[in-house]
Amino acid sequence: MSSNMKVQQKDEDGEFLQMAALQQNVRTLTNCRIFAGVMAGCIAGLLKIEGLLGVGVFILVTLIHSLMIAAKMEFEVHRHFPKSRDLFVSQFGGGLLSFILFWTLSFDMVHIF
């Protein structure tokens, strides 16, 4: 192992996480959340979905996208993230902001202008 690669112990049971790999996984998950937010915003805006139902579209798309990522990892999420729930709840805010931006943009472009 190279001297510049940092390793952190996850639990007392002997599991270790490579910090560089963990940081890459978090960056990739952030990009996925933003992409899911953009797609959900376009869907909700184009279908003229308003109010809390629009937020429900975002939650549904994010949940489906998280399940697809977990399936790609063969449902061994604990090998890639410190906690398995991180795949479903981490970076939620960044995706929500992207969702709101594209929701209003696509709604305005199609149904107002």
PDB file of N, CA and C in Angstrom:
ATOM      1  N   MET A   1       0.852  -1.163   0.000  1.00  0.00           N
ATOM      2  CA  MET A   1       0.000   0.000   0.000  1.00  0.00           C
ATOM      3  C   MET A   1       0.899   1.228   0.000  1.00  0.00           C
ATOM      4  N   SER A   2       0.541   2.222  -0.759  1.00  0.00           N
ATOM      5  CA  SER A   2       1.361   3.426  -0.845  1.00  0.00           C
ATOM      6  C   SER A   2       1.240   4.235   0.442  1.00  0.00           C
ATOM      7  N   SER A   3       2.215   5.071   0.677  1.00  0.00           N
ATOM      8  CA  SER A   3       2.256   5.835   1.925  1.00  0.00           C
ATOM      9  C   SER A   3       1.235   6.965   1.955  1.00  0.00           C
ATOM     10  N   ASN A   4       0.765   7.426   0.796  1.00  0.00           N
ATOM     11  CA  ASN A   4      -0.187   8.537   0.786  1.00  0.00           C
ATOM     12  C   ASN A   4      -1.645   8.080   0.833  1.00  0.00           C
ATOM     13  N   MET A   5      -1.932   6.791   0.829  1.00  0.00           N
ATOM     14  CA  MET A   5      -3.299   6.285   0.889  1.00  0.00           C
ATOM     15  C   MET A   5      -3.690   6.103   2.348  1.00  0.00           C
ATOM     16  N   LYS A   6      -4.728   6.791   2.787  1.00  0.00           N
ATOM     17  CA  LYS A   6      -5.161   6.720   4.173  1.00  0.00           C
ATOM     18  C   LYS A   6      -6.222   5.644   4.317  1.00  0.00           C
ATOM     19  N   VAL A   7      -6.117   4.910   5.422  1.00  0.00           N
ATOM     20  CA  VAL A   7      -7.061   3.844   5.721  1.00  0.00           C
ATOM     21  C   VAL A   7      -7.613   4.115   7.107  1.00  0.00           C
ATOM     22  N   GLN A   8      -8.927   3.972   7.247  1.00  0.00           N
ATOM     23  CA  GLN A   8      -9.569   4.208   8.526  1.00  0.00           C
ATOM     24  C   GLN A   8     -10.332   2.959   8.926  1.00  0.00           C
ATOM     25  N   GLN A   9     -10.256   2.619  10.219  1.00  0.00           N
ATOM     26  CA  GLN A   9     -10.986   1.456  10.705  1.00  0.00           C
ATOM     27  C   GLN A   9     -12.445   1.828  10.865  1.00  0.00           C
ATOM     28  N   LYS A  10     -13.335   0.978  10.333  1.00  0.00           N
ATOM     29  CA  LYS A  10     -14.769   1.260  10.363  1.00  0.00           C
ATOM     30  C   LYS A  10     -15.353   0.917  11.731  1.00  0.00           C
ATOM     31  N   ASP A  11     -15.149  -0.262  12.207  1.00  0.00           N
ATOM     32  CA  ASP A  11     -15.688  -0.751  13.478  1.00  0.00           C
ATOM     33  C   ASP A  11     -14.591  -1.477  14.230  1.00  0.00           C
ATOM     34  N   GLU A  12     -14.951  -1.981  15.385  1.00  0.00           N
ATOM     35  CA  GLU A  12     -14.005  -2.785  16.140  1.00  0.00           C
ATOM     36  C   GLU A  12     -13.866  -4.188  15.568  1.00  0.00           C
ATOM     37  N   ASP A  13     -14.685  -4.542  14.582  1.00  0.00           N
ATOM     38  CA  ASP A  13     -14.644  -5.901  14.028  1.00  0.00           C
ATOM     39  C   ASP A  13     -13.576  -6.075  12.959  1.00  0.00           C
ATOM     40  N   GLY A  14     -12.767  -5.052  12.720  1.00  0.00           N
ATOM     41  CA  GLY A  14     -11.643  -5.218  11.814  1.00  0.00           C
ATOM     42  C   GLY A  14     -11.877  -4.732  10.406  1.00  0.00           C
ATOM     43  N   GLU A  15     -13.038  -4.128  10.099  1.00  0.00           N
ATOM     44  CA  GLU A  15     -13.277  -3.620   8.756  1.00  0.00           C
ATOM     45  C   GLU A  15     -12.538  -2.306   8.572  1.00  0.00           C
ATOM     46  N   PHE A  16     -12.003  -2.107   7.371  1.00  0.00           N
ATOM     47  CA  PHE A  16     -11.288  -0.884   7.065  1.00  0.00           C
ATOM     48  C   PHE A  16     -11.883  -0.226   5.829  1.00  0.00           C
ATOM     49  N   LEU A  17     -11.830   1.094   5.798  1.00  0.00           N
ATOM     50  CA  LEU A  17     -12.288   1.861   4.644  1.00  0.00           C
ATOM     51  C   LEU A  17     -11.118   2.659   4.093  1.00  0.00           C
ATOM     52  N   GLN A  18     -10.966   2.662   2.795  1.00  0.00           N
ATOM     53  CA  GLN A  18      -9.976   3.538   2.184  1.00  0.00           C
ATOM     54  C   GLN A  18     -10.638   4.891   1.971  1.00  0.00           C
ATOM     55  N   MET A  19     -10.047   5.909   2.547  1.00  0.00           N
ATOM     56  CA  MET A  19     -10.662   7.229   2.520  1.00  0.00           C
ATOM     57  C   MET A  19     -10.774   7.791   1.103  1.00  0.00           C
ATOM     58  N   ALA A  20      -9.790   7.540   0.260  1.00  0.00           N
ATOM     59  CA  ALA A  20      -9.860   8.047  -1.120  1.00  0.00           C
ATOM     60  C   ALA A  20     -11.028   7.411  -1.867  1.00  0.00           C
ATOM     61  N   ALA A  21     -11.223   6.120  -1.668  1.00  0.00           N
ATOM     62  CA  ALA A  21     -12.334   5.428  -2.324  1.00  0.00           C
ATOM     63  C   ALA A  21     -13.673   5.908  -1.776  1.00  0.00           C
ATOM     64  N   LEU A  22     -13.731   6.125  -0.463  1.00  0.00           N
ATOM     65  CA  LEU A  22     -14.964   6.618   0.143  1.00  0.00           C
ATOM     66  C   LEU A  22     -15.312   8.013  -0.369  1.00  0.00           C
ATOM     67  N   GLN A  23     -14.319   8.886  -0.484  1.00  0.00           N
ATOM     68  CA  GLN A  23     -14.560  10.225  -1.008  1.00  0.00           C
ATOM     69  C   GLN A  23     -15.029  10.182  -2.463  1.00  0.00           C
ATOM     70  N   GLN A  24     -14.472   9.288  -3.248  1.00  0.00           N
ATOM     71  CA  GLN A  24     -14.911   9.131  -4.639  1.00  0.00           C
ATOM     72  C   GLN A  24     -16.355   8.638  -4.693  1.00  0.00           C
ATOM     73  N   ASN A  25     -16.723   7.719  -3.812  1.00  0.00           N
ATOM     74  CA  ASN A  25     -18.098   7.223  -3.769  1.00  0.00           C
ATOM     75  C   ASN A  25     -19.077   8.335  -3.401  1.00  0.00           C
ATOM     76  N   VAL A  26     -18.695   9.191  -2.450  1.00  0.00           N
ATOM     77  CA  VAL A  26     -19.566  10.294  -2.051  1.00  0.00           C
ATOM     78  C   VAL A  26     -19.700  11.302  -3.187  1.00  0.00           C
ATOM     79  N   ARG A  27     -18.613  11.603  -3.898  1.00  0.00           N
ATOM     80  CA  ARG A  27     -18.694  12.519  -5.051  1.00  0.00           C
ATOM     81  C   ARG A  27     -19.599  11.947  -6.140  1.00  0.00           C
ATOM     82  N   THR A  28     -19.459  10.663  -6.405  1.00  0.00           N
ATOM     83  CA  THR A  28     -20.299  10.026  -7.421  1.00  0.00           C
ATOM     84  C   THR A  28     -21.767  10.037  -6.999  1.00  0.00           C
ATOM     85  N   LEU A  29     -22.030   9.783  -5.719  1.00  0.00           N
ATOM     86  CA  LEU A  29     -23.407   9.815  -5.224  1.00  0.00           C
ATOM     87  C   LEU A  29     -23.983  11.224  -5.329  1.00  0.00           C
ATOM     88  N   THR A  30     -23.165  12.236  -5.083  1.00  0.00           N
ATOM     89  CA  THR A  30     -23.619  13.622  -5.230  1.00  0.00           C
ATOM     90  C   THR A  30     -24.029  13.902  -6.674  1.00  0.00           C
ATOM     91  N   ASN A  31     -23.222  13.474  -7.617  1.00  0.00           N
ATOM     92  CA  ASN A  31     -23.571  13.655  -9.030  1.00  0.00           C
ATOM     93  C   ASN A  31     -24.843  12.902  -9.390  1.00  0.00           C
ATOM     94  N   CYS A  32     -25.018  11.719  -8.840  1.00  0.00           N
ATOM     95  CA  CYS A  32     -26.238  10.942  -9.102  1.00  0.00           C
ATOM     96  C   CYS A  32     -27.470  11.628  -8.530  1.00  0.00           C
ATOM     97  N   ARG A  33     -27.340  12.202  -7.334  1.00  0.00           N
ATOM     98  CA  ARG A  33     -28.468  12.918  -6.725  1.00  0.00           C
ATOM     99  C   ARG A  33     -28.862  14.132  -7.568  1.00  0.00           C
ATOM    100  N   ILE A  34     -27.867  14.858  -8.050  1.00  0.00           N
ATOM    101  CA  ILE A  34     -28.159  16.022  -8.887  1.00  0.00           C
ATOM    102  C   ILE A  34     -28.854  15.580 -10.169  1.00  0.00           C
ATOM    103  N   PHE A  35     -28.368  14.506 -10.783  1.00  0.00           N
ATOM    104  CA  PHE A  35     -28.989  13.988 -12.006  1.00  0.00           C
ATOM    105  C   PHE A  35     -30.428  13.544 -11.746  1.00  0.00           C
ATOM    106  N   ALA A  36     -30.666  12.841 -10.633  1.00  0.00           N
ATOM    107  CA  ALA A  36     -32.023  12.401 -10.296  1.00  0.00           C
ATOM    108  C   ALA A  36     -32.925  13.609 -10.045  1.00  0.00           C
ATOM    109  N   GLY A  37     -32.393  14.650  -9.405  1.00  0.00           N
ATOM    110  CA  GLY A  37     -33.176  15.862  -9.168  1.00  0.00           C
ATOM    111  C   GLY A  37     -33.551  16.563 -10.465  1.00  0.00           C
ATOM    112  N   VAL A  38     -32.607  16.625 -11.403  1.00  0.00           N
ATOM    113  CA  VAL A  38     -32.873  17.244 -12.707  1.00  0.00           C
ATOM    114  C   VAL A  38     -33.953  16.463 -13.454  1.00  0.00           C
ATOM    115  N   MET A  39     -33.824  15.138 -13.472  1.00  0.00           N
ATOM    116  CA  MET A  39     -34.809  14.310 -14.175  1.00  0.00           C
ATOM    117  C   MET A  39     -36.195  14.415 -13.532  1.00  0.00           C
ATOM    118  N   ALA A  40     -36.234  14.367 -12.206  1.00  0.00           N
ATOM    119  CA  ALA A  40     -37.519  14.480 -11.508  1.00  0.00           C
ATOM    120  C   ALA A  40     -38.142  15.856 -11.738  1.00  0.00           C
ATOM    121  N   GLY A  41     -37.324  16.903 -11.750  1.00  0.00           N
ATOM    122  CA  GLY A  41     -37.838  18.245 -12.006  1.00  0.00           C
ATOM    123  C   GLY A  41     -38.417  18.378 -13.395  1.00  0.00           C
ATOM    124  N   CYS A  42     -37.729  17.818 -14.378  1.00  0.00           N
ATOM    125  CA  CYS A  42     -38.245  17.864 -15.752  1.00  0.00           C
ATOM    126  C   CYS A  42     -39.542  17.070 -15.875  1.00  0.00           C
ATOM    127  N   ILE A  43     -39.605  15.919 -15.238  1.00  0.00           N
ATOM    128  CA  ILE A  43     -40.827  15.099 -15.282  1.00  0.00           C
ATOM    129  C   ILE A  43     -41.992  15.852 -14.656  1.00  0.00           C
ATOM    130  N   ALA A  44     -41.775  16.382 -13.443  1.00  0.00           N
ATOM    131  CA  ALA A  44     -42.859  17.086 -12.742  1.00  0.00           C
ATOM    132  C   ALA A  44     -43.278  18.345 -13.482  1.00  0.00           C
ATOM    133  N   GLY A  45     -42.329  19.076 -14.045  1.00  0.00           N
ATOM    134  CA  GLY A  45     -42.664  20.304 -14.767  1.00  0.00           C
ATOM    135  C   GLY A  45     -43.396  20.034 -16.061  1.00  0.00           C
ATOM    136  N   LEU A  46     -42.929  19.049 -16.816  1.00  0.00           N
ATOM    137  CA  LEU A  46     -43.569  18.741 -18.101  1.00  0.00           C
ATOM    138  C   LEU A  46     -44.972  18.169 -17.928  1.00  0.00           C
ATOM    139  N   LEU A  47     -45.179  17.401 -16.850  1.00  0.00           N
ATOM    140  CA  LEU A  47     -46.499  16.815 -16.607  1.00  0.00           C
ATOM    141  C   LEU A  47     -47.431  17.741 -15.826  1.00  0.00           C
ATOM    142  N   LYS A  48     -46.961  18.986 -15.566  1.00  0.00           N
ATOM    143  CA  LYS A  48     -47.747  20.005 -14.862  1.00  0.00           C
ATOM    144  C   LYS A  48     -48.192  19.538 -13.477  1.00  0.00           C
ATOM    145  N   ILE A  49     -47.259  18.895 -12.787  1.00  0.00           N
ATOM    146  CA  ILE A  49     -47.521  18.444 -11.425  1.00  0.00           C
ATOM    147  C   ILE A  49     -47.151  19.578 -10.481  1.00  0.00           C
ATOM    148  N   GLU A  50     -48.070  19.924  -9.580  1.00  0.00           N
ATOM    149  CA  GLU A  50     -47.875  21.065  -8.689  1.00  0.00           C
ATOM    150  C   GLU A  50     -47.973  20.631  -7.233  1.00  0.00           C
ATOM    151  N   GLY A  51     -47.472  21.466  -6.344  1.00  0.00           N
ATOM    152  CA  GLY A  51     -47.622  21.265  -4.904  1.00  0.00           C
ATOM    153  C   GLY A  51     -46.816  20.096  -4.370  1.00  0.00           C
ATOM    154  N   LEU A  52     -47.356  19.512  -3.314  1.00  0.00           N
ATOM    155  CA  LEU A  52     -46.662  18.409  -2.643  1.00  0.00           C
ATOM    156  C   LEU A  52     -46.557  17.167  -3.514  1.00  0.00           C
ATOM    157  N   LEU A  53     -47.423  17.044  -4.496  1.00  0.00           N
ATOM    158  CA  LEU A  53     -47.327  15.911  -5.418  1.00  0.00           C
ATOM    159  C   LEU A  53     -46.028  15.983  -6.217  1.00  0.00           C
ATOM    160  N   GLY A  54     -45.578  17.188  -6.531  1.00  0.00           N
ATOM    161  CA  GLY A  54     -44.307  17.365  -7.221  1.00  0.00           C
ATOM    162  C   GLY A  54     -43.134  16.909  -6.370  1.00  0.00           C
ATOM    163  N   VAL A  55     -43.166  17.239  -5.090  1.00  0.00           N
ATOM    164  CA  VAL A  55     -42.121  16.778  -4.172  1.00  0.00           C
ATOM    165  C   VAL A  55     -42.174  15.261  -4.053  1.00  0.00           C
ATOM    166  N   GLY A  56     -43.371  14.707  -4.098  1.00  0.00           N
ATOM    167  CA  GLY A  56     -43.514  13.245  -4.094  1.00  0.00           C
ATOM    168  C   GLY A  56     -42.859  12.612  -5.313  1.00  0.00           C
ATOM    169  N   VAL A  57     -42.937  13.280  -6.451  1.00  0.00           N
ATOM    170  CA  VAL A  57     -42.259  12.789  -7.657  1.00  0.00           C
ATOM    171  C   VAL A  57     -40.751  12.748  -7.423  1.00  0.00           C
ATOM    172  N   PHE A  58     -40.217  13.809  -6.799  1.00  0.00           N
ATOM    173  CA  PHE A  58     -38.790  13.837  -6.500  1.00  0.00           C
ATOM    174  C   PHE A  58     -38.388  12.693  -5.579  1.00  0.00           C
ATOM    175  N   ILE A  59     -39.160  12.478  -4.526  1.00  0.00           N
ATOM    176  CA  ILE A  59     -38.845  11.403  -3.584  1.00  0.00           C
ATOM    177  C   ILE A  59     -38.924  10.050  -4.266  1.00  0.00           C
ATOM    178  N   LEU A  60     -39.933   9.848  -5.102  1.00  0.00           N
ATOM    179  CA  LEU A  60     -40.086   8.577  -5.816  1.00  0.00           C
ATOM    180  C   LEU A  60     -38.924   8.333  -6.778  1.00  0.00           C
ATOM    181  N   VAL A  61     -38.555   9.345  -7.560  1.00  0.00           N
ATOM    182  CA  VAL A  61     -37.456   9.195  -8.514  1.00  0.00           C
ATOM    183  C   VAL A  61     -36.142   8.947  -7.774  1.00  0.00           C
ATOM    184  N   THR A  62     -35.924   9.663  -6.668  1.00  0.00           N
ATOM    185  CA  THR A  62     -34.706   9.471  -5.885  1.00  0.00           C
ATOM    186  C   THR A  62     -34.662   8.077  -5.276  1.00  0.00           C
ATOM    187  N   LEU A  63     -35.771   7.596  -4.782  1.00  0.00           N
ATOM    188  CA  LEU A  63     -35.821   6.250  -4.199  1.00  0.00           C
ATOM    189  C   LEU A  63     -35.550   5.187  -5.257  1.00  0.00           C
ATOM    190  N   ILE A  64     -36.178   5.312  -6.414  1.00  0.00           N
ATOM    191  CA  ILE A  64     -35.947   4.349  -7.504  1.00  0.00           C
ATOM    192  C   ILE A  64     -34.498   4.397  -7.953  1.00  0.00           C
ATOM    193  N   HIS A  65     -33.944   5.598  -8.063  1.00  0.00           N
ATOM    194  CA  HIS A  65     -32.550   5.742  -8.476  1.00  0.00           C
ATOM    195  C   HIS A  65     -31.611   5.122  -7.448  1.00  0.00           C
ATOM    196  N   SER A  66     -31.900   5.300  -6.162  1.00  0.00           N
ATOM    197  CA  SER A  66     -31.081   4.684  -5.112  1.00  0.00           C
ATOM    198  C   SER A  66     -31.153   3.166  -5.167  1.00  0.00           C
ATOM    199  N   LEU A  67     -32.327   2.635  -5.435  1.00  0.00           N
ATOM    200  CA  LEU A  67     -32.471   1.177  -5.568  1.00  0.00           C
ATOM    201  C   LEU A  67     -31.695   0.654  -6.782  1.00  0.00           C
ATOM    202  N   MET A  68     -31.680   1.429  -7.858  1.00  0.00           N
ATOM    203  CA  MET A  68     -30.906   1.019  -9.035  1.00  0.00           C
ATOM    204  C   MET A  68     -29.409   1.028  -8.734  1.00  0.00           C
ATOM    205  N   ILE A  69     -28.948   2.016  -7.973  1.00  0.00           N
ATOM    206  CA  ILE A  69     -27.539   2.065  -7.584  1.00  0.00           C
ATOM    207  C   ILE A  69     -27.207   0.885  -6.685  1.00  0.00           C
ATOM    208  N   ALA A  70     -28.097   0.577  -5.732  1.00  0.00           N
ATOM    209  CA  ALA A  70     -27.872  -0.569  -4.843  1.00  0.00           C
ATOM    210  C   ALA A  70     -27.832  -1.870  -5.636  1.00  0.00           C
ATOM    211  N   ALA A  71     -28.681  -1.998  -6.639  1.00  0.00           N
ATOM    212  CA  ALA A  71     -28.661  -3.198  -7.476  1.00  0.00           C
ATOM    213  C   ALA A  71     -27.356  -3.297  -8.252  1.00  0.00           C
ATOM    214  N   LYS A  72     -26.853  -2.165  -8.711  1.00  0.00           N
ATOM    215  CA  LYS A  72     -25.571  -2.152  -9.424  1.00  0.00           C
ATOM    216  C   LYS A  72     -24.436  -2.597  -8.503  1.00  0.00           C
ATOM    217  N   MET A  73     -24.548  -2.276  -7.212  1.00  0.00           N
ATOM    218  CA  MET A  73     -23.551  -2.698  -6.226  1.00  0.00           C
ATOM    219  C   MET A  73     -23.845  -4.094  -5.684  1.00  0.00           C
ATOM    220  N   GLU A  74     -24.795  -4.781  -6.291  1.00  0.00           N
ATOM    221  CA  GLU A  74     -25.232  -6.114  -5.869  1.00  0.00           C
ATOM    222  C   GLU A  74     -25.708  -6.115  -4.419  1.00  0.00           C
ATOM    223  N   PHE A  75     -26.341  -5.019  -4.008  1.00  0.00           N
ATOM    224  CA  PHE A  75     -26.925  -4.816  -2.680  1.00  0.00           C
ATOM    225  C   PHE A  75     -25.907  -4.985  -1.547  1.00  0.00           C
ATOM    226  N   GLU A  76     -24.633  -4.759  -1.840  1.00  0.00           N
ATOM    227  CA  GLU A  76     -23.580  -4.768  -0.821  1.00  0.00           C
ATOM    228  C   GLU A  76     -23.132  -3.331  -0.570  1.00  0.00           C
ATOM    229  N   VAL A  77     -24.072  -2.533  -0.108  1.00  0.00           N
ATOM    230  CA  VAL A  77     -23.851  -1.105   0.083  1.00  0.00           C
ATOM    231  C   VAL A  77     -22.797  -0.866   1.168  1.00  0.00           C
ATOM    232  N   HIS A  78     -22.756  -1.721   2.173  1.00  0.00           N
ATOM    233  CA  HIS A  78     -21.817  -1.541   3.278  1.00  0.00           C
ATOM    234  C   HIS A  78     -20.358  -1.630   2.829  1.00  0.00           C
ATOM    235  N   ARG A  79     -20.103  -2.175   1.660  1.00  0.00           N
ATOM    236  CA  ARG A  79     -18.732  -2.226   1.140  1.00  0.00           C
ATOM    237  C   ARG A  79     -18.299  -0.895   0.542  1.00  0.00           C
ATOM    238  N   HIS A  80     -19.245  -0.023   0.221  1.00  0.00           N
ATOM    239  CA  HIS A  80     -18.940   1.219  -0.466  1.00  0.00           C
ATOM    240  C   HIS A  80     -19.196   2.469   0.374  1.00  0.00           C
ATOM    241  N   PHE A  81     -20.006   2.348   1.413  1.00  0.00           N
ATOM    242  CA  PHE A  81     -20.346   3.473   2.274  1.00  0.00           C
ATOM    243  C   PHE A  81     -20.271   3.019   3.729  1.00  0.00           C
ATOM    244  N   PRO A  82     -19.986   3.952   4.655  1.00  0.00           N
ATOM    245  CA  PRO A  82     -19.887   3.556   6.065  1.00  0.00           C
ATOM    246  C   PRO A  82     -21.189   2.965   6.611  1.00  0.00           C
ATOM    247  N   LYS A  83     -22.310   3.522   6.208  1.00  0.00           N
ATOM    248  CA  LYS A  83     -23.618   3.027   6.639  1.00  0.00           C
ATOM    249  C   LYS A  83     -24.461   2.758   5.408  1.00  0.00           C
ATOM    250  N   SER A  84     -25.246   1.712   5.433  1.00  0.00           N
ATOM    251  CA  SER A  84     -26.065   1.357   4.275  1.00  0.00           C
ATOM    252  C   SER A  84     -27.110   2.413   3.961  1.00  0.00           C
ATOM    253  N   ARG A  85     -27.593   3.098   4.980  1.00  0.00           N
ATOM    254  CA  ARG A  85     -28.636   4.112   4.744  1.00  0.00           C
ATOM    255  C   ARG A  85     -28.097   5.347   4.036  1.00  0.00           C
ATOM    256  N   ASP A  86     -26.767   5.513   4.016  1.00  0.00           N
ATOM    257  CA  ASP A  86     -26.182   6.668   3.330  1.00  0.00           C
ATOM    258  C   ASP A  86     -26.564   6.709   1.858  1.00  0.00           C
ATOM    259  N   LEU A  87     -26.735   5.553   1.251  1.00  0.00           N
ATOM    260  CA  LEU A  87     -27.109   5.504  -0.161  1.00  0.00           C
ATOM    261  C   LEU A  87     -28.469   6.138  -0.400  1.00  0.00           C
ATOM    262  N   PHE A  88     -29.360   6.063   0.579  1.00  0.00           N
ATOM    263  CA  PHE A  88     -30.723   6.550   0.393  1.00  0.00           C
ATOM    264  C   PHE A  88     -30.947   7.965   0.920  1.00  0.00           C
ATOM    265  N   VAL A  89     -30.182   8.406   1.918  1.00  0.00           N
ATOM    266  CA  VAL A  89     -30.456   9.711   2.526  1.00  0.00           C
ATOM    267  C   VAL A  89     -29.340  10.730   2.336  1.00  0.00           C
ATOM    268  N   SER A  90     -28.147  10.300   1.991  1.00  0.00           N
ATOM    269  CA  SER A  90     -27.030  11.227   1.855  1.00  0.00           C
ATOM    270  C   SER A  90     -27.182  12.075   0.599  1.00  0.00           C
ATOM    271  N   GLN A  91     -26.763  13.310   0.681  1.00  0.00           N
ATOM    272  CA  GLN A  91     -26.775  14.262  -0.434  1.00  0.00           C
ATOM    273  C   GLN A  91     -28.189  14.559  -0.946  1.00  0.00           C
ATOM    274  N   PHE A  92     -29.170  14.425  -0.092  1.00  0.00           N
ATOM    275  CA  PHE A  92     -30.566  14.639  -0.480  1.00  0.00           C
ATOM    276  C   PHE A  92     -30.837  16.101  -0.811  1.00  0.00           C
ATOM    277  N   GLY A  93     -30.215  17.023  -0.070  1.00  0.00           N
ATOM    278  CA  GLY A  93     -30.466  18.455  -0.253  1.00  0.00           C
ATOM    279  C   GLY A  93     -30.006  18.980  -1.602  1.00  0.00           C
ATOM    280  N   GLY A  94     -28.831  18.518  -2.068  1.00  0.00           N
ATOM    281  CA  GLY A  94     -28.339  18.957  -3.374  1.00  0.00           C
ATOM    282  C   GLY A  94     -29.258  18.525  -4.500  1.00  0.00           C
ATOM    283  N   GLY A  95     -29.786  17.333  -4.398  1.00  0.00           N
ATOM    284  CA  GLY A  95     -30.738  16.862  -5.392  1.00  0.00           C
ATOM    285  C   GLY A  95     -32.038  17.631  -5.333  1.00  0.00           C
ATOM    286  N   LEU A  96     -32.449  18.009  -4.126  1.00  0.00           N
ATOM    287  CA  LEU A  96     -33.693  18.762  -3.967  1.00  0.00           C
ATOM    288  C   LEU A  96     -33.585  20.148  -4.588  1.00  0.00           C
ATOM    289  N   LEU A  97     -32.446  20.798  -4.418  1.00  0.00           N
ATOM    290  CA  LEU A  97     -32.265  22.120  -5.017  1.00  0.00           C
ATOM    291  C   LEU A  97     -32.270  22.040  -6.546  1.00  0.00           C
ATOM    292  N   SER A  98     -31.624  21.032  -7.102  1.00  0.00           N
ATOM    293  CA  SER A  98     -31.644  20.841  -8.556  1.00  0.00           C
ATOM    294  C   SER A  98     -33.057  20.546  -9.040  1.00  0.00           C
ATOM    295  N   PHE A  99     -33.793  19.761  -8.255  1.00  0.00           N
ATOM    296  CA  PHE A  99     -35.178  19.446  -8.592  1.00  0.00           C
ATOM    297  C   PHE A  99     -36.020  20.707  -8.684  1.00  0.00           C
ATOM    298  N   ILE A 100     -35.928  21.564  -7.680  1.00  0.00           N
ATOM    299  CA  ILE A 100     -36.736  22.790  -7.665  1.00  0.00           C
ATOM    300  C   ILE A 100     -36.395  23.679  -8.857  1.00  0.00           C
ATOM    301  N   LEU A 101     -35.110  23.797  -9.156  1.00  0.00           N
ATOM    302  CA  LEU A 101     -34.685  24.625 -10.285  1.00  0.00           C
ATOM    303  C   LEU A 101     -35.289  24.117 -11.595  1.00  0.00           C
ATOM    304  N   PHE A 102     -35.147  22.834 -11.882  1.00  0.00           N
ATOM    305  CA  PHE A 102     -35.629  22.305 -13.160  1.00  0.00           C
ATOM    306  C   PHE A 102     -37.138  22.111 -13.178  1.00  0.00           C
ATOM    307  N   TRP A 103     -37.744  21.935 -12.012  1.00  0.00           N
ATOM    308  CA  TRP A 103     -39.199  21.841 -11.928  1.00  0.00           C
ATOM    309  C   TRP A 103     -39.811  23.167 -12.372  1.00  0.00           C
ATOM    310  N   THR A 104     -39.342  24.264 -11.800  1.00  0.00           N
ATOM    311  CA  THR A 104     -39.896  25.566 -12.170  1.00  0.00           C
ATOM    312  C   THR A 104     -39.517  25.957 -13.601  1.00  0.00           C
ATOM    313  N   LEU A 105     -38.307  25.642 -14.004  1.00  0.00           N
ATOM    314  CA  LEU A 105     -37.866  25.986 -15.355  1.00  0.00           C
ATOM    315  C   LEU A 105     -38.703  25.268 -16.410  1.00  0.00           C
ATOM    316  N   SER A 106     -38.848  23.951 -16.286  1.00  0.00           N
ATOM    317  CA  SER A 106     -39.602  23.209 -17.304  1.00  0.00           C
ATOM    318  C   SER A 106     -41.090  23.533 -17.245  1.00  0.00           C
ATOM    319  N   PHE A 107     -41.631  23.762 -16.057  1.00  0.00           N
ATOM    320  CA  PHE A 107     -43.046  24.131 -15.930  1.00  0.00           C
ATOM    321  C   PHE A 107     -43.305  25.470 -16.615  1.00  0.00           C
ATOM    322  N   ASP A 108     -42.427  26.443 -16.357  1.00  0.00           N
ATOM    323  CA  ASP A 108     -42.605  27.767 -16.959  1.00  0.00           C
ATOM    324  C   ASP A 108     -42.450  27.733 -18.476  1.00  0.00           C
ATOM    325  N   MET A 109     -41.468  27.022 -18.962  1.00  0.00           N
ATOM    326  CA  MET A 109     -41.218  26.982 -20.419  1.00  0.00           C
ATOM    327  C   MET A 109     -42.344  26.326 -21.185  1.00  0.00           C
ATOM    328  N   VAL A 110     -42.955  25.297 -20.606  1.00  0.00           N
ATOM    329  CA  VAL A 110     -43.977  24.535 -21.334  1.00  0.00           C
ATOM    330  C   VAL A 110     -45.379  25.100 -21.099  1.00  0.00           C
ATOM    331  N   HIS A 111     -45.705  25.445 -19.866  1.00  0.00           N
ATOM    332  CA  HIS A 111     -47.099  25.769 -19.559  1.00  0.00           C
ATOM    333  C   HIS A 111     -47.386  27.265 -19.409  1.00  0.00           C
ATOM    334  N   ILE A 112     -46.373  28.087 -19.269  1.00  0.00           N
ATOM    335  CA  ILE A 112     -46.622  29.523 -19.114  1.00  0.00           C
ATOM    336  C   ILE A 112     -46.271  30.272 -20.384  1.00  0.00           C
ATOM    337  N   PHE A 113     -45.116  29.980 -20.970  1.00  0.00           N
ATOM    338  CA  PHE A 113     -44.694  30.724 -22.152  1.00  0.00           C
ATOM    339  C   PHE A 113     -45.228  30.065 -23.357  1.00  0.00           C
TER     340      PHE A 113
END
